[in-house]
PDB file of all heavy atoms in Angstrom:
ATOM      1  N   ILE A   1      -7.928  -5.455 -22.862  1.00  0.00           N
ATOM      2  CA  ILE A   1      -9.031  -5.982 -22.063  1.00  0.00           C
ATOM      3  C   ILE A   1      -9.312  -4.957 -20.966  1.00  0.00           C
ATOM      4  O   ILE A   1      -8.423  -4.640 -20.184  1.00  0.00           O
ATOM      5  CB  ILE A   1      -8.677  -7.344 -21.439  1.00  0.00           C
ATOM      6  CG1 ILE A   1      -8.330  -8.372 -22.522  1.00  0.00           C
ATOM      7  CG2 ILE A   1      -9.804  -7.854 -20.556  1.00  0.00           C
ATOM      8  CD1 ILE A   1      -7.796  -9.687 -21.974  1.00  0.00           C
ATOM      9  N   ASP A   2     -10.509  -4.445 -20.915  1.00  0.00           N
ATOM     10  CA  ASP A   2     -10.817  -3.370 -19.973  1.00  0.00           C
ATOM     11  C   ASP A   2     -10.664  -3.845 -18.524  1.00  0.00           C
ATOM     12  O   ASP A   2     -11.440  -4.667 -18.035  1.00  0.00           O
ATOM     13  CB  ASP A   2     -12.245  -2.867 -20.206  1.00  0.00           C
ATOM     14  CG  ASP A   2     -12.580  -1.668 -19.313  1.00  0.00           C
ATOM     15  OD1 ASP A   2     -11.680  -1.157 -18.639  1.00  0.00           O
ATOM     16  OD2 ASP A   2     -13.755  -1.261 -19.301  1.00  0.00           O
ATOM     17  N   ARG A   3      -9.646  -3.299 -17.842  1.00  0.00           N
ATOM     18  CA  ARG A   3      -9.405  -3.635 -16.439  1.00  0.00           C
ATOM     19  C   ARG A   3      -9.324  -2.371 -15.578  1.00  0.00           C
ATOM     20  O   ARG A   3      -8.750  -2.387 -14.483  1.00  0.00           O
ATOM     21  CB  ARG A   3      -8.094  -4.430 -16.309  1.00  0.00           C
ATOM     22  CG  ARG A   3      -8.039  -5.702 -17.112  1.00  0.00           C
ATOM     23  CD  ARG A   3      -9.064  -6.703 -16.664  1.00  0.00           C
ATOM     24  NE  ARG A   3      -8.784  -7.224 -15.332  1.00  0.00           N
ATOM     25  CZ  ARG A   3      -9.579  -8.057 -14.678  1.00  0.00           C
ATOM     26  NH1 ARG A   3     -10.721  -8.436 -15.223  1.00  0.00           N
ATOM     27  NH2 ARG A   3      -9.266  -8.495 -13.475  1.00  0.00           N
ATOM     28  N   ASN A   4      -9.874  -1.286 -16.048  1.00  0.00           N
ATOM     29  CA  ASN A   4      -9.786  -0.019 -15.315  1.00  0.00           C
ATOM     30  C   ASN A   4     -10.420  -0.116 -13.924  1.00  0.00           C
ATOM     31  O   ASN A   4      -9.883   0.430 -12.955  1.00  0.00           O
ATOM     32  CB  ASN A   4     -10.455   1.101 -16.124  1.00  0.00           C
ATOM     33  CG  ASN A   4      -9.608   1.519 -17.311  1.00  0.00           C
ATOM     34  OD1 ASN A   4      -8.452   1.887 -17.157  1.00  0.00           O
ATOM     35  ND2 ASN A   4     -10.175   1.453 -18.508  1.00  0.00           N
ATOM     36  N   LYS A   5     -11.540  -0.804 -13.826  1.00  0.00           N
ATOM     37  CA  LYS A   5     -12.199  -0.970 -12.527  1.00  0.00           C
ATOM     38  C   LYS A   5     -11.300  -1.736 -11.555  1.00  0.00           C
ATOM     39  O   LYS A   5     -11.134  -1.349 -10.394  1.00  0.00           O
ATOM     40  CB  LYS A   5     -13.524  -1.706 -12.714  1.00  0.00           C
ATOM     41  CG  LYS A   5     -14.277  -2.003 -11.417  1.00  0.00           C
ATOM     42  CD  LYS A   5     -15.597  -2.708 -11.721  1.00  0.00           C
ATOM     43  CE  LYS A   5     -16.358  -3.041 -10.433  1.00  0.00           C
ATOM     44  NZ  LYS A   5     -15.678  -4.117  -9.694  1.00  0.00           N
ATOM     45  N   GLN A   6     -10.692  -2.817 -12.037  1.00  0.00           N
ATOM     46  CA  GLN A   6      -9.842  -3.642 -11.173  1.00  0.00           C
ATOM     47  C   GLN A   6      -8.548  -2.909 -10.798  1.00  0.00           C
ATOM     48  O   GLN A   6      -8.060  -3.049  -9.669  1.00  0.00           O
ATOM     49  CB  GLN A   6      -9.516  -4.967 -11.871  1.00  0.00           C
ATOM     50  CG  GLN A   6     -10.685  -5.927 -11.970  1.00  0.00           C
ATOM     51  CD  GLN A   6     -11.662  -5.571 -13.079  1.00  0.00           C
ATOM     52  OE1 GLN A   6     -11.386  -4.723 -13.935  1.00  0.00           O
ATOM     53  NE2 GLN A   6     -12.818  -6.216 -13.078  1.00  0.00           N
ATOM     54  N   ILE A   7      -8.004  -2.156 -11.730  1.00  0.00           N
ATOM     55  CA  ILE A   7      -6.800  -1.378 -11.420  1.00  0.00           C
ATOM     56  C   ILE A   7      -7.113  -0.334 -10.349  1.00  0.00           C
ATOM     57  O   ILE A   7      -6.314  -0.113  -9.431  1.00  0.00           O
ATOM     58  CB  ILE A   7      -6.235  -0.722 -12.699  1.00  0.00           C
ATOM     59  CG1 ILE A   7      -5.679  -1.798 -13.632  1.00  0.00           C
ATOM     60  CG2 ILE A   7      -5.152   0.297 -12.352  1.00  0.00           C
ATOM     61  CD1 ILE A   7      -5.289  -1.277 -15.003  1.00  0.00           C
ATOM     62  N   GLN A   8      -8.260   0.292 -10.437  1.00  0.00           N
ATOM     63  CA  GLN A   8      -8.656   1.267  -9.422  1.00  0.00           C
ATOM     64  C   GLN A   8      -8.866   0.590  -8.071  1.00  0.00           C
ATOM     65  O   GLN A   8      -8.512   1.143  -7.017  1.00  0.00           O
ATOM     66  CB  GLN A   8      -9.928   2.003  -9.842  1.00  0.00           C
ATOM     67  CG  GLN A   8     -10.267   3.192  -8.949  1.00  0.00           C
ATOM     68  CD  GLN A   8      -9.161   4.229  -8.925  1.00  0.00           C
ATOM     69  OE1 GLN A   8      -8.700   4.702  -9.971  1.00  0.00           O
ATOM     70  NE2 GLN A   8      -8.704   4.586  -7.720  1.00  0.00           N
ATOM     71  N   GLU A   9      -9.431  -0.616  -8.083  1.00  0.00           N
ATOM     72  CA  GLU A   9      -9.593  -1.370  -6.841  1.00  0.00           C
ATOM     73  C   GLU A   9      -8.229  -1.693  -6.237  1.00  0.00           C
ATOM     74  O   GLU A   9      -8.049  -1.620  -5.012  1.00  0.00           O
ATOM     75  CB  GLU A   9     -10.376  -2.653  -7.105  1.00  0.00           C
ATOM     76  CG  GLU A   9     -11.847  -2.431  -7.390  1.00  0.00           C
ATOM     77  CD  GLU A   9     -12.581  -3.726  -7.712  1.00  0.00           C
ATOM     78  OE1 GLU A   9     -11.909  -4.767  -7.906  1.00  0.00           O
ATOM     79  OE2 GLU A   9     -13.824  -3.700  -7.769  1.00  0.00           O
ATOM     80  N   TRP A  10      -7.285  -2.070  -7.094  1.00  0.00           N
ATOM     81  CA  TRP A  10      -5.918  -2.348  -6.621  1.00  0.00           C
ATOM     82  C   TRP A  10      -5.324  -1.093  -5.987  1.00  0.00           C
ATOM     83  O   TRP A  10      -4.731  -1.157  -4.902  1.00  0.00           O
ATOM     84  CB  TRP A  10      -5.055  -2.821  -7.798  1.00  0.00           C
ATOM     85  CG  TRP A  10      -3.670  -3.238  -7.414  1.00  0.00           C
ATOM     86  CD1 TRP A  10      -3.242  -4.507  -7.159  1.00  0.00           C
ATOM     87  CD2 TRP A  10      -2.524  -2.387  -7.252  1.00  0.00           C
ATOM     88  NE1 TRP A  10      -1.896  -4.504  -6.843  1.00  0.00           N
ATOM     89  CE2 TRP A  10      -1.440  -3.220  -6.891  1.00  0.00           C
ATOM     90  CE3 TRP A  10      -2.309  -1.024  -7.376  1.00  0.00           C
ATOM     91  CZ2 TRP A  10      -0.163  -2.723  -6.641  1.00  0.00           C
ATOM     92  CZ3 TRP A  10      -1.038  -0.516  -7.128  1.00  0.00           C
ATOM     93  CH2 TRP A  10       0.018  -1.352  -6.767  1.00  0.00           C
ATOM     94  N   LEU A  11      -5.477   0.030  -6.643  1.00  0.00           N
ATOM     95  CA  LEU A  11      -4.940   1.288  -6.131  1.00  0.00           C
ATOM     96  C   LEU A  11      -5.597   1.677  -4.811  1.00  0.00           C
ATOM     97  O   LEU A  11      -4.910   2.043  -3.851  1.00  0.00           O
ATOM     98  CB  LEU A  11      -5.134   2.405  -7.160  1.00  0.00           C
ATOM     99  CG  LEU A  11      -4.253   2.332  -8.408  1.00  0.00           C
ATOM    100  CD1 LEU A  11      -4.708   3.361  -9.439  1.00  0.00           C
ATOM    101  CD2 LEU A  11      -2.791   2.555  -8.052  1.00  0.00           C
ATOM    102  N   ASP A  12      -6.902   1.594  -4.746  1.00  0.00           N
ATOM    103  CA  ASP A  12      -7.620   1.972  -3.525  1.00  0.00           C
ATOM    104  C   ASP A  12      -7.174   1.124  -2.352  1.00  0.00           C
ATOM    105  O   ASP A  12      -6.937   1.631  -1.249  1.00  0.00           O
ATOM    106  CB  ASP A  12      -9.136   1.824  -3.727  1.00  0.00           C
ATOM    107  CG  ASP A  12      -9.703   2.868  -4.677  1.00  0.00           C
ATOM    108  OD1 ASP A  12      -9.022   3.886  -4.917  1.00  0.00           O
ATOM    109  OD2 ASP A  12     -10.820   2.651  -5.190  1.00  0.00           O
ATOM    110  N   PHE A  13      -7.055  -0.196  -2.583  1.00  0.00           N
ATOM    111  CA  PHE A  13      -6.675  -1.101  -1.492  1.00  0.00           C
ATOM    112  C   PHE A  13      -5.275  -0.765  -0.975  1.00  0.00           C
ATOM    113  O   PHE A  13      -5.053  -0.685   0.233  1.00  0.00           O
ATOM    114  CB  PHE A  13      -6.713  -2.551  -1.974  1.00  0.00           C
ATOM    115  CG  PHE A  13      -6.477  -3.552  -0.878  1.00  0.00           C
ATOM    116  CD1 PHE A  13      -7.553  -4.112  -0.204  1.00  0.00           C
ATOM    117  CD2 PHE A  13      -5.196  -3.941  -0.520  1.00  0.00           C
ATOM    118  CE1 PHE A  13      -7.350  -5.031   0.821  1.00  0.00           C
ATOM    119  CE2 PHE A  13      -4.975  -4.856   0.492  1.00  0.00           C
ATOM    120  CZ  PHE A  13      -6.052  -5.408   1.169  1.00  0.00           C
ATOM    121  N   ASN A  14      -4.328  -0.560  -1.893  1.00  0.00           N
ATOM    122  CA  ASN A  14      -2.953  -0.304  -1.483  1.00  0.00           C
ATOM    123  C   ASN A  14      -2.768   1.090  -0.896  1.00  0.00           C
ATOM    124  O   ASN A  14      -2.105   1.262   0.133  1.00  0.00           O
ATOM    125  CB  ASN A  14      -2.012  -0.506  -2.674  1.00  0.00           C
ATOM    126  CG  ASN A  14      -1.741  -1.972  -2.962  1.00  0.00           C
ATOM    127  OD1 ASN A  14      -0.929  -2.612  -2.317  1.00  0.00           O
ATOM    128  ND2 ASN A  14      -2.461  -2.523  -3.934  1.00  0.00           N
ATOM    129  N   ILE A  15      -3.357   2.084  -1.517  1.00  0.00           N
ATOM    130  CA  ILE A  15      -3.181   3.455  -1.036  1.00  0.00           C
ATOM    131  C   ILE A  15      -3.834   3.656   0.328  1.00  0.00           C
ATOM    132  O   ILE A  15      -3.282   4.317   1.211  1.00  0.00           O
ATOM    133  CB  ILE A  15      -3.747   4.460  -2.064  1.00  0.00           C
ATOM    134  CG1 ILE A  15      -2.892   4.442  -3.333  1.00  0.00           C
ATOM    135  CG2 ILE A  15      -3.790   5.875  -1.483  1.00  0.00           C
ATOM    136  CD1 ILE A  15      -3.463   5.265  -4.479  1.00  0.00           C
ATOM    137  N   ASN A  16      -5.007   3.065   0.529  1.00  0.00           N
ATOM    138  CA  ASN A  16      -5.735   3.245   1.786  1.00  0.00           C
ATOM    139  C   ASN A  16      -5.079   2.551   2.971  1.00  0.00           C
ATOM    140  O   ASN A  16      -5.463   2.789   4.121  1.00  0.00           O
ATOM    141  CB  ASN A  16      -7.176   2.750   1.635  1.00  0.00           C
ATOM    142  CG  ASN A  16      -7.993   3.639   0.710  1.00  0.00           C
ATOM    143  OD1 ASN A  16      -7.669   4.809   0.513  1.00  0.00           O
ATOM    144  ND2 ASN A  16      -9.050   3.082   0.125  1.00  0.00           N
ATOM    145  N   SER A  17      -4.108   1.697   2.714  1.00  0.00           N
ATOM    146  CA  SER A  17      -3.447   0.992   3.815  1.00  0.00           C
ATOM    147  C   SER A  17      -2.001   1.443   4.017  1.00  0.00           C
ATOM    148  O   SER A  17      -1.239   0.796   4.736  1.00  0.00           O
ATOM    149  CB  SER A  17      -3.511  -0.528   3.586  1.00  0.00           C
ATOM    150  OG  SER A  17      -3.033  -0.884   2.298  1.00  0.00           O
ATOM    151  N   ILE A  18      -1.587   2.551   3.394  1.00  0.00           N
ATOM    152  CA  ILE A  18      -0.243   3.094   3.607  1.00  0.00           C
ATOM    153  C   ILE A  18      -0.127   3.620   5.034  1.00  0.00           C
ATOM    154  O   ILE A  18      -1.019   4.317   5.529  1.00  0.00           O
ATOM    155  CB  ILE A  18       0.059   4.226   2.593  1.00  0.00           C
ATOM    156  CG1 ILE A  18       0.143   3.654   1.176  1.00  0.00           C
ATOM    157  CG2 ILE A  18       1.353   4.940   2.942  1.00  0.00           C
ATOM    158  CD1 ILE A  18       0.354   4.711   0.101  1.00  0.00           C
ATOM    159  N   ASN A  19       0.982   3.288   5.707  1.00  0.00           N
ATOM    160  CA  ASN A  19       1.165   3.730   7.095  1.00  0.00           C
ATOM    161  C   ASN A  19       1.904   5.068   7.174  1.00  0.00           C
ATOM    162  O   ASN A  19       2.192   5.700   6.154  1.00  0.00           O
ATOM    163  CB  ASN A  19       1.881   2.643   7.917  1.00  0.00           C
ATOM    164  CG  ASN A  19       3.312   2.377   7.435  1.00  0.00           C
ATOM    165  OD1 ASN A  19       3.934   3.192   6.758  1.00  0.00           O
ATOM    166  ND2 ASN A  19       3.837   1.215   7.786  1.00  0.00           N
ATOM    167  N   SER A  20       2.242   5.485   8.362  1.00  0.00           N
ATOM    168  CA  SER A  20       2.851   6.802   8.573  1.00  0.00           C
ATOM    169  C   SER A  20       4.264   6.913   8.007  1.00  0.00           C
ATOM    170  O   SER A  20       4.790   8.020   7.852  1.00  0.00           O
ATOM    171  CB  SER A  20       2.878   7.135  10.068  1.00  0.00           C
ATOM    172  OG  SER A  20       3.644   6.170  10.786  1.00  0.00           O
ATOM    173  N   ASN A  21       4.879   5.772   7.701  1.00  0.00           N
ATOM    174  CA  ASN A  21       6.222   5.775   7.099  1.00  0.00           C
ATOM    175  C   ASN A  21       6.168   5.814   5.573  1.00  0.00           C
ATOM    176  O   ASN A  21       7.211   5.869   4.925  1.00  0.00           O
ATOM    177  CB  ASN A  21       7.001   4.524   7.537  1.00  0.00           C
ATOM    178  CG  ASN A  21       7.271   4.515   9.017  1.00  0.00           C
ATOM    179  OD1 ASN A  21       7.595   5.533   9.614  1.00  0.00           O
ATOM    180  ND2 ASN A  21       7.112   3.351   9.643  1.00  0.00           N
ATOM    181  N   GLY A  22       4.965   5.752   5.031  1.00  0.00           N
ATOM    182  CA  GLY A  22       4.825   5.734   3.579  1.00  0.00           C
ATOM    183  C   GLY A  22       4.826   4.330   3.006  1.00  0.00           C
ATOM    184  O   GLY A  22       4.815   4.153   1.784  1.00  0.00           O
ATOM    185  N   PHE A  23       4.836   3.323   3.881  1.00  0.00           N
ATOM    186  CA  PHE A  23       4.866   1.931   3.437  1.00  0.00           C
ATOM    187  C   PHE A  23       3.698   1.168   4.050  1.00  0.00           C
ATOM    188  O   PHE A  23       2.650   1.728   4.303  1.00  0.00           O
ATOM    189  CB  PHE A  23       6.223   1.304   3.781  1.00  0.00           C
ATOM    190  CG  PHE A  23       7.356   1.889   2.988  1.00  0.00           C
ATOM    191  CD1 PHE A  23       8.192   2.854   3.538  1.00  0.00           C
ATOM    192  CD2 PHE A  23       7.575   1.507   1.666  1.00  0.00           C
ATOM    193  CE1 PHE A  23       9.225   3.419   2.793  1.00  0.00           C
ATOM    194  CE2 PHE A  23       8.598   2.061   0.910  1.00  0.00           C
ATOM    195  CZ  PHE A  23       9.420   3.021   1.485  1.00  0.00           C
ATOM    196  N   TRP A  24       3.878  -0.115   4.307  1.00  0.00           N
ATOM    197  CA  TRP A  24       2.800  -0.949   4.832  1.00  0.00           C
ATOM    198  C   TRP A  24       3.300  -1.710   6.044  1.00  0.00           C
ATOM    199  O   TRP A  24       4.468  -2.114   6.110  1.00  0.00           O
ATOM    200  CB  TRP A  24       2.306  -1.927   3.756  1.00  0.00           C
ATOM    201  CG  TRP A  24       1.577  -1.216   2.663  1.00  0.00           C
ATOM    202  CD1 TRP A  24       0.224  -1.071   2.526  1.00  0.00           C
ATOM    203  CD2 TRP A  24       2.165  -0.522   1.551  1.00  0.00           C
ATOM    204  NE1 TRP A  24      -0.056  -0.325   1.408  1.00  0.00           N
ATOM    205  CE2 TRP A  24       1.106   0.025   0.790  1.00  0.00           C
ATOM    206  CE3 TRP A  24       3.467  -0.284   1.128  1.00  0.00           C
ATOM    207  CZ2 TRP A  24       1.310   0.772  -0.372  1.00  0.00           C
ATOM    208  CZ3 TRP A  24       3.688   0.459  -0.022  1.00  0.00           C
ATOM    209  CH2 TRP A  24       2.616   0.983  -0.761  1.00  0.00           C
ATOM    210  N   GLY A  25       2.422  -1.908   7.004  1.00  0.00           N
ATOM    211  CA  GLY A  25       2.790  -2.596   8.231  1.00  0.00           C
ATOM    212  C   GLY A  25       2.247  -1.859   9.437  1.00  0.00           C
ATOM    213  O   GLY A  25       1.943  -0.665   9.380  1.00  0.00           O
ATOM    214  N   THR A  26       2.159  -2.567  10.551  1.00  0.00           N
ATOM    215  CA  THR A  26       1.566  -1.996  11.762  1.00  0.00           C
ATOM    216  C   THR A  26       2.600  -1.364  12.686  1.00  0.00           C
ATOM    217  O   THR A  26       2.232  -0.642  13.613  1.00  0.00           O
ATOM    218  CB  THR A  26       0.817  -3.092  12.529  1.00  0.00           C
ATOM    219  OG1 THR A  26       1.721  -4.172  12.827  1.00  0.00           O
ATOM    220  CG2 THR A  26      -0.344  -3.636  11.709  1.00  0.00           C
ATOM    221  N   ASP A  27       3.878  -1.625  12.479  1.00  0.00           N
ATOM    222  CA  ASP A  27       4.922  -1.071  13.336  1.00  0.00           C
ATOM    223  C   ASP A  27       5.182   0.381  12.956  1.00  0.00           C
ATOM    224  O   ASP A  27       5.441   0.698  11.796  1.00  0.00           O
ATOM    225  CB  ASP A  27       6.204  -1.894  13.192  1.00  0.00           C
ATOM    226  CG  ASP A  27       7.213  -1.602  14.295  1.00  0.00           C
ATOM    227  OD1 ASP A  27       7.102  -0.534  14.945  1.00  0.00           O
ATOM    228  OD2 ASP A  27       8.120  -2.422  14.509  1.00  0.00           O
ATOM    229  N   SER A  28       5.152   1.269  13.921  1.00  0.00           N
ATOM    230  CA  SER A  28       5.386   2.685  13.644  1.00  0.00           C
ATOM    231  C   SER A  28       6.854   2.992  13.380  1.00  0.00           C
ATOM    232  O   SER A  28       7.188   4.007  12.773  1.00  0.00           O
ATOM    233  CB  SER A  28       4.893   3.538  14.822  1.00  0.00           C
ATOM    234  OG  SER A  28       5.599   3.193  16.014  1.00  0.00           O
ATOM    235  N   LYS A  29       7.742   2.093  13.841  1.00  0.00           N
ATOM    236  CA  LYS A  29       9.174   2.286  13.601  1.00  0.00           C
ATOM    237  C   LYS A  29       9.553   1.748  12.228  1.00  0.00           C
ATOM    238  O   LYS A  29       9.159   0.657  11.852  1.00  0.00           O
ATOM    239  CB  LYS A  29       9.989   1.574  14.687  1.00  0.00           C
ATOM    240  CG  LYS A  29       9.828   2.168  16.080  1.00  0.00           C
ATOM    241  CD  LYS A  29      10.705   1.444  17.088  1.00  0.00           C
ATOM    242  CE  LYS A  29      10.551   2.046  18.479  1.00  0.00           C
ATOM    243  NZ  LYS A  29      11.397   1.320  19.475  1.00  0.00           N
ATOM    244  N   MET A  30      10.349   2.516  11.504  1.00  0.00           N
ATOM    245  CA  MET A  30      10.782   2.103  10.174  1.00  0.00           C
ATOM    246  C   MET A  30      11.798   0.970  10.274  1.00  0.00           C
ATOM    247  O   MET A  30      12.689   0.998  11.137  1.00  0.00           O
ATOM    248  CB  MET A  30      11.395   3.306   9.453  1.00  0.00           C
ATOM    249  CG  MET A  30      11.782   3.037   8.024  1.00  0.00           C
ATOM    250  SD  MET A  30      10.348   2.625   7.018  1.00  0.00           S
ATOM    251  CE  MET A  30      11.133   2.410   5.423  1.00  0.00           C
ATOM    252  N   ASP A  31      11.670  -0.029   9.423  1.00  0.00           N
ATOM    253  CA  ASP A  31      12.640  -1.119   9.391  1.00  0.00           C
ATOM    254  C   ASP A  31      12.852  -1.569   7.950  1.00  0.00           C
ATOM    255  O   ASP A  31      12.210  -1.083   7.024  1.00  0.00           O
ATOM    256  CB  ASP A  31      12.197  -2.291  10.275  1.00  0.00           C
ATOM    257  CG  ASP A  31      10.802  -2.813   9.898  1.00  0.00           C
ATOM    258  OD1 ASP A  31      10.477  -2.831   8.693  1.00  0.00           O
ATOM    259  OD2 ASP A  31      10.044  -3.199  10.809  1.00  0.00           O
ATOM    260  N   TYR A  32      13.781  -2.498   7.781  1.00  0.00           N
ATOM    261  CA  TYR A  32      14.131  -2.973   6.444  1.00  0.00           C
ATOM    262  C   TYR A  32      12.967  -3.682   5.767  1.00  0.00           C
ATOM    263  O   TYR A  32      12.791  -3.587   4.554  1.00  0.00           O
ATOM    264  CB  TYR A  32      15.323  -3.920   6.517  1.00  0.00           C
ATOM    265  CG  TYR A  32      16.625  -3.238   6.828  1.00  0.00           C
ATOM    266  CD1 TYR A  32      17.158  -3.260   8.122  1.00  0.00           C
ATOM    267  CD2 TYR A  32      17.341  -2.559   5.846  1.00  0.00           C
ATOM    268  CE1 TYR A  32      18.357  -2.641   8.418  1.00  0.00           C
ATOM    269  CE2 TYR A  32      18.533  -1.933   6.133  1.00  0.00           C
ATOM    270  CZ  TYR A  32      19.041  -1.978   7.418  1.00  0.00           C
ATOM    271  OH  TYR A  32      20.221  -1.354   7.702  1.00  0.00           O
ATOM    272  N   LEU A  33      12.181  -4.423   6.550  1.00  0.00           N
ATOM    273  CA  LEU A  33      11.063  -5.158   5.972  1.00  0.00           C
ATOM    274  C   LEU A  33      10.071  -4.209   5.313  1.00  0.00           C
ATOM    275  O   LEU A  33       9.612  -4.452   4.196  1.00  0.00           O
ATOM    276  CB  LEU A  33      10.352  -5.984   7.046  1.00  0.00           C
ATOM    277  CG  LEU A  33       9.045  -6.661   6.605  1.00  0.00           C
ATOM    278  CD1 LEU A  33       9.296  -7.631   5.456  1.00  0.00           C
ATOM    279  CD2 LEU A  33       8.387  -7.373   7.778  1.00  0.00           C
ATOM    280  N   GLN A  34       9.766  -3.102   5.986  1.00  0.00           N
ATOM    281  CA  GLN A  34       8.770  -2.182   5.443  1.00  0.00           C
ATOM    282  C   GLN A  34       9.197  -1.635   4.086  1.00  0.00           C
ATOM    283  O   GLN A  34       8.424  -1.658   3.130  1.00  0.00           O
ATOM    284  CB  GLN A  34       8.521  -1.023   6.413  1.00  0.00           C
ATOM    285  CG  GLN A  34       7.644  -1.394   7.582  1.00  0.00           C
ATOM    286  CD  GLN A  34       7.130  -0.183   8.328  1.00  0.00           C
ATOM    287  OE1 GLN A  34       6.844   0.848   7.741  1.00  0.00           O
ATOM    288  NE2 GLN A  34       7.023  -0.303   9.643  1.00  0.00           N
ATOM    289  N   PHE A  35      10.442  -1.160   3.966  1.00  0.00           N
ATOM    290  CA  PHE A  35      10.800  -0.536   2.693  1.00  0.00           C
ATOM    291  C   PHE A  35      11.097  -1.573   1.613  1.00  0.00           C
ATOM    292  O   PHE A  35      10.738  -1.383   0.444  1.00  0.00           O
ATOM    293  CB  PHE A  35      11.957   0.460   2.880  1.00  0.00           C
ATOM    294  CG  PHE A  35      13.314   0.002   2.427  1.00  0.00           C
ATOM    295  CD1 PHE A  35      13.618  -0.103   1.078  1.00  0.00           C
ATOM    296  CD2 PHE A  35      14.323  -0.286   3.344  1.00  0.00           C
ATOM    297  CE1 PHE A  35      14.885  -0.504   0.660  1.00  0.00           C
ATOM    298  CE2 PHE A  35      15.579  -0.675   2.934  1.00  0.00           C
ATOM    299  CZ  PHE A  35      15.863  -0.792   1.590  1.00  0.00           C
ATOM    300  N   GLN A  36      11.726  -2.698   1.974  1.00  0.00           N
ATOM    301  CA  GLN A  36      12.089  -3.661   0.947  1.00  0.00           C
ATOM    302  C   GLN A  36      10.868  -4.438   0.473  1.00  0.00           C
ATOM    303  O   GLN A  36      10.795  -4.862  -0.672  1.00  0.00           O
ATOM    304  CB  GLN A  36      13.160  -4.614   1.492  1.00  0.00           C
ATOM    305  CG  GLN A  36      14.086  -5.188   0.445  1.00  0.00           C
ATOM    306  CD  GLN A  36      13.558  -6.466  -0.181  1.00  0.00           C
ATOM    307  OE1 GLN A  36      12.877  -7.254   0.479  1.00  0.00           O
ATOM    308  NE2 GLN A  36      13.871  -6.680  -1.446  1.00  0.00           N
TER     309      GLN A  36
END
């Protein structure tokens, strides 16, 4: 079932919100929550 458009949307949303630690979250300090 062609889902290439939706997969790209998933990728764009997640990649565009990666923080400076390489993960997700607003805290600049790395913690267990961010990586796990």
